[in-house]
Structures are given as C-alpha cells and as structure tokens.
C-alpha cells in the first residue's frame, strides 16, 4: 500500500539518544503501527462487503470489478 524509498529511511540507535527523544520516537512508532493496523482492519472489512457505496456512487459490487475512485 504505502512504500518508501530507501533514502527516506533513517537508522536510529536508541541507546545513543537522550531519554526524552527516545520516548518521542517510540511514541511516534506506536502511533504509526496503530494507524497501520486500523487501516488493515478497515480494508479487510471493506473487501468482505458485497457492495460499497460512497456518496451514492457504487464503488464495489459482486457483479462488477473494483471501480477506480479517482477516475470513476
């Protein structure tokens, strides 16, 4: 779903940074993981639906393939 290039990844040695920065980084990681888990659950739920309608427009149906949300 979401990919990042290798140059955007930064390596951090948690043992070498101050305690307050370490706590901030760990909290950010926890939030990211929670968000990813919530998105995964939502997509799994949506994929199990027989039909999905957003603002009156049919998005997913058993009879029709997935409709492109941006180009409809």
N, C-alpha and C. Protein backbone atom coordinates (compact mmCIF):
# COMPACT_ATOMS: atom_id res chain seq x y z
N UNK A 1 0.79 -1.19 0.00
CA UNK A 1 0.00 0.00 0.00
C UNK A 1 0.84 1.27 0.00
N UNK A 2 1.67 1.36 0.99
CA UNK A 2 2.47 2.57 1.10
C UNK A 2 3.95 2.17 1.13
N UNK A 3 4.70 2.57 0.12
CA UNK A 3 6.11 2.23 0.08
C UNK A 3 6.95 3.48 0.17
N UNK A 4 8.11 3.34 0.76
CA UNK A 4 9.03 4.47 0.90
C UNK A 4 10.35 4.09 0.25
N UNK A 5 11.02 5.07 -0.29
CA UNK A 5 12.32 4.79 -0.87
C UNK A 5 13.34 4.56 0.24
N UNK A 6 14.42 3.89 -0.09
CA UNK A 6 15.43 3.57 0.91
C UNK A 6 16.10 4.82 1.48
N UNK A 7 16.22 5.88 0.68
CA UNK A 7 16.91 7.07 1.17
C UNK A 7 16.08 7.83 2.21
N UNK A 8 14.75 7.58 2.29
CA UNK A 8 13.91 8.24 3.28
C UNK A 8 13.98 7.55 4.63
N UNK A 9 14.46 6.32 4.67
CA UNK A 9 14.56 5.61 5.93
C UNK A 9 15.79 6.10 6.68
N UNK A 10 15.61 6.28 7.97
CA UNK A 10 16.74 6.70 8.77
C UNK A 10 16.95 5.66 9.87
N UNK A 11 18.18 5.35 10.12
CA UNK A 11 18.51 4.39 11.15
C UNK A 11 18.84 5.13 12.43
N UNK A 12 18.24 4.66 13.51
CA UNK A 12 18.42 5.32 14.79
C UNK A 12 18.91 4.29 15.80
N UNK A 13 19.95 4.63 16.51
CA UNK A 13 20.42 3.80 17.62
C UNK A 13 19.80 4.38 18.88
N UNK A 14 18.79 3.68 19.40
CA UNK A 14 18.06 4.20 20.56
C UNK A 14 18.93 4.34 21.80
N UNK A 15 20.03 3.61 21.86
CA UNK A 15 20.90 3.69 23.03
C UNK A 15 21.74 4.96 23.05
N UNK A 16 21.87 5.61 21.90
CA UNK A 16 22.73 6.79 21.81
C UNK A 16 21.99 8.11 21.89
N UNK A 17 20.67 8.10 21.98
CA UNK A 17 19.93 9.36 22.02
C UNK A 17 19.38 9.59 23.42
N UNK A 18 19.10 10.85 23.75
CA UNK A 18 18.58 11.18 25.09
C UNK A 18 17.22 10.53 25.34
N UNK A 19 16.92 10.35 26.61
CA UNK A 19 15.69 9.67 27.03
C UNK A 19 14.43 10.33 26.49
N UNK A 20 14.37 11.67 26.51
CA UNK A 20 13.16 12.36 26.05
C UNK A 20 12.95 12.17 24.54
N UNK A 21 14.01 12.20 23.75
CA UNK A 21 13.90 11.94 22.31
C UNK A 21 13.51 10.49 22.07
N UNK A 22 14.08 9.59 22.82
CA UNK A 22 13.78 8.18 22.69
C UNK A 22 12.28 7.93 22.93
N UNK A 23 11.75 8.55 23.98
CA UNK A 23 10.33 8.40 24.29
C UNK A 23 9.46 8.94 23.15
N UNK A 24 9.85 10.07 22.58
CA UNK A 24 9.10 10.66 21.47
C UNK A 24 9.12 9.74 20.25
N UNK A 25 10.27 9.22 19.92
CA UNK A 25 10.40 8.33 18.76
C UNK A 25 9.58 7.06 18.96
N UNK A 26 9.65 6.49 20.14
CA UNK A 26 8.89 5.26 20.42
C UNK A 26 7.39 5.53 20.34
N UNK A 27 6.94 6.67 20.84
CA UNK A 27 5.52 7.02 20.77
C UNK A 27 5.07 7.21 19.33
N UNK A 28 5.91 7.85 18.49
CA UNK A 28 5.58 8.02 17.08
C UNK A 28 5.48 6.67 16.38
N UNK A 29 6.39 5.75 16.71
CA UNK A 29 6.33 4.42 16.12
C UNK A 29 5.06 3.68 16.53
N UNK A 30 4.68 3.79 17.80
CA UNK A 30 3.45 3.16 18.27
C UNK A 30 2.24 3.69 17.53
N UNK A 31 2.17 5.00 17.36
CA UNK A 31 1.05 5.61 16.65
C UNK A 31 0.99 5.14 15.20
N UNK A 32 2.16 5.06 14.55
CA UNK A 32 2.20 4.59 13.17
C UNK A 32 1.72 3.14 13.07
N UNK A 33 2.17 2.31 13.98
CA UNK A 33 1.74 0.91 13.98
C UNK A 33 0.24 0.78 14.23
N UNK A 34 -0.29 1.57 15.15
CA UNK A 34 -1.74 1.56 15.40
C UNK A 34 -2.52 1.98 14.16
N UNK A 35 -2.03 3.02 13.49
CA UNK A 35 -2.69 3.51 12.29
C UNK A 35 -2.67 2.44 11.20
N UNK A 36 -1.52 1.80 11.01
CA UNK A 36 -1.41 0.75 10.00
C UNK A 36 -2.34 -0.41 10.31
N UNK A 37 -2.43 -0.79 11.58
CA UNK A 37 -3.31 -1.89 11.97
C UNK A 37 -4.77 -1.51 11.72
N UNK A 38 -5.15 -0.28 12.03
CA UNK A 38 -6.52 0.18 11.81
C UNK A 38 -6.85 0.19 10.32
N UNK A 39 -5.91 0.64 9.49
CA UNK A 39 -6.13 0.66 8.04
C UNK A 39 -6.29 -0.75 7.51
N UNK A 40 -5.46 -1.67 8.00
CA UNK A 40 -5.55 -3.07 7.57
C UNK A 40 -6.92 -3.66 7.91
N UNK A 41 -7.38 -3.40 9.13
CA UNK A 41 -8.69 -3.89 9.54
C UNK A 41 -9.80 -3.31 8.67
N UNK A 42 -9.71 -2.01 8.36
CA UNK A 42 -10.72 -1.36 7.54
C UNK A 42 -10.75 -1.98 6.14
N UNK A 43 -9.57 -2.16 5.51
CA UNK A 43 -9.53 -2.73 4.17
C UNK A 43 -10.04 -4.16 4.16
N UNK A 44 -9.70 -4.95 5.18
CA UNK A 44 -10.22 -6.32 5.26
C UNK A 44 -11.74 -6.31 5.35
N UNK A 45 -12.28 -5.41 6.15
CA UNK A 45 -13.73 -5.31 6.28
C UNK A 45 -14.36 -4.90 4.95
N UNK A 46 -13.79 -3.88 4.30
CA UNK A 46 -14.36 -3.40 3.04
C UNK A 46 -14.30 -4.48 1.95
N UNK A 47 -13.24 -5.27 1.94
CA UNK A 47 -13.12 -6.32 0.92
C UNK A 47 -14.12 -7.44 1.14
N UNK A 48 -14.65 -7.58 2.34
CA UNK A 48 -15.64 -8.61 2.62
C UNK A 48 -17.06 -8.14 2.30
N UNK A 49 -17.25 -6.86 2.05
CA UNK A 49 -18.58 -6.32 1.75
C UNK A 49 -19.03 -6.76 0.36
N UNK A 50 -20.34 -7.02 0.24
CA UNK A 50 -20.88 -7.37 -1.07
C UNK A 50 -20.98 -6.15 -1.97
N UNK A 51 -21.42 -5.05 -1.40
CA UNK A 51 -21.46 -3.79 -2.14
C UNK A 51 -20.98 -2.66 -1.23
N UNK A 52 -20.39 -1.67 -1.85
CA UNK A 52 -19.91 -0.49 -1.12
C UNK A 52 -20.32 0.74 -1.91
N UNK A 53 -21.03 1.64 -1.25
CA UNK A 53 -21.48 2.87 -1.88
C UNK A 53 -20.95 4.05 -1.08
N UNK A 54 -20.34 5.00 -1.78
CA UNK A 54 -19.85 6.22 -1.15
C UNK A 54 -20.52 7.40 -1.84
N UNK A 55 -21.20 8.23 -1.06
CA UNK A 55 -21.92 9.40 -1.59
C UNK A 55 -22.84 9.02 -2.74
N UNK A 56 -23.51 7.89 -2.60
CA UNK A 56 -24.46 7.45 -3.61
C UNK A 56 -23.84 6.80 -4.84
N UNK A 57 -22.52 6.71 -4.90
CA UNK A 57 -21.85 6.11 -6.05
C UNK A 57 -21.39 4.71 -5.68
N UNK A 58 -21.76 3.72 -6.50
CA UNK A 58 -21.38 2.34 -6.26
C UNK A 58 -19.88 2.18 -6.51
N UNK A 59 -19.16 1.70 -5.51
CA UNK A 59 -17.71 1.56 -5.60
C UNK A 59 -17.34 0.09 -5.81
N UNK A 60 -17.90 -0.80 -4.98
CA UNK A 60 -17.62 -2.23 -5.07
C UNK A 60 -18.93 -2.99 -5.16
N UNK A 61 -18.97 -3.95 -6.06
CA UNK A 61 -20.13 -4.80 -6.19
C UNK A 61 -19.66 -6.20 -6.56
N UNK A 62 -20.41 -7.22 -6.15
CA UNK A 62 -20.06 -8.60 -6.51
C UNK A 62 -20.07 -8.80 -8.02
N UNK A 63 -20.99 -8.11 -8.71
CA UNK A 63 -21.14 -8.30 -10.15
C UNK A 63 -20.15 -7.49 -10.98
N UNK A 64 -19.61 -6.41 -10.42
CA UNK A 64 -18.72 -5.53 -11.18
C UNK A 64 -17.34 -5.48 -10.54
N UNK A 65 -16.29 -5.27 -11.33
CA UNK A 65 -14.94 -5.15 -10.75
C UNK A 65 -14.82 -3.85 -9.95
N UNK A 66 -13.74 -3.76 -9.18
CA UNK A 66 -13.47 -2.58 -8.38
C UNK A 66 -13.38 -1.35 -9.27
N UNK A 67 -14.09 -0.31 -8.89
CA UNK A 67 -14.12 0.93 -9.68
C UNK A 67 -13.02 1.85 -9.17
N UNK A 68 -12.30 2.48 -10.07
CA UNK A 68 -11.23 3.41 -9.71
C UNK A 68 -11.85 4.64 -9.04
N UNK A 69 -11.47 4.91 -7.80
CA UNK A 69 -12.07 6.01 -7.04
C UNK A 69 -11.72 7.39 -7.60
N UNK A 70 -10.59 7.53 -8.24
CA UNK A 70 -10.16 8.84 -8.70
C UNK A 70 -10.64 9.16 -10.11
N UNK A 71 -10.79 8.13 -10.94
CA UNK A 71 -11.15 8.37 -12.33
C UNK A 71 -12.57 7.90 -12.63
N UNK A 72 -13.22 7.24 -11.66
CA UNK A 72 -14.59 6.76 -11.71
C UNK A 72 -14.99 6.29 -13.04
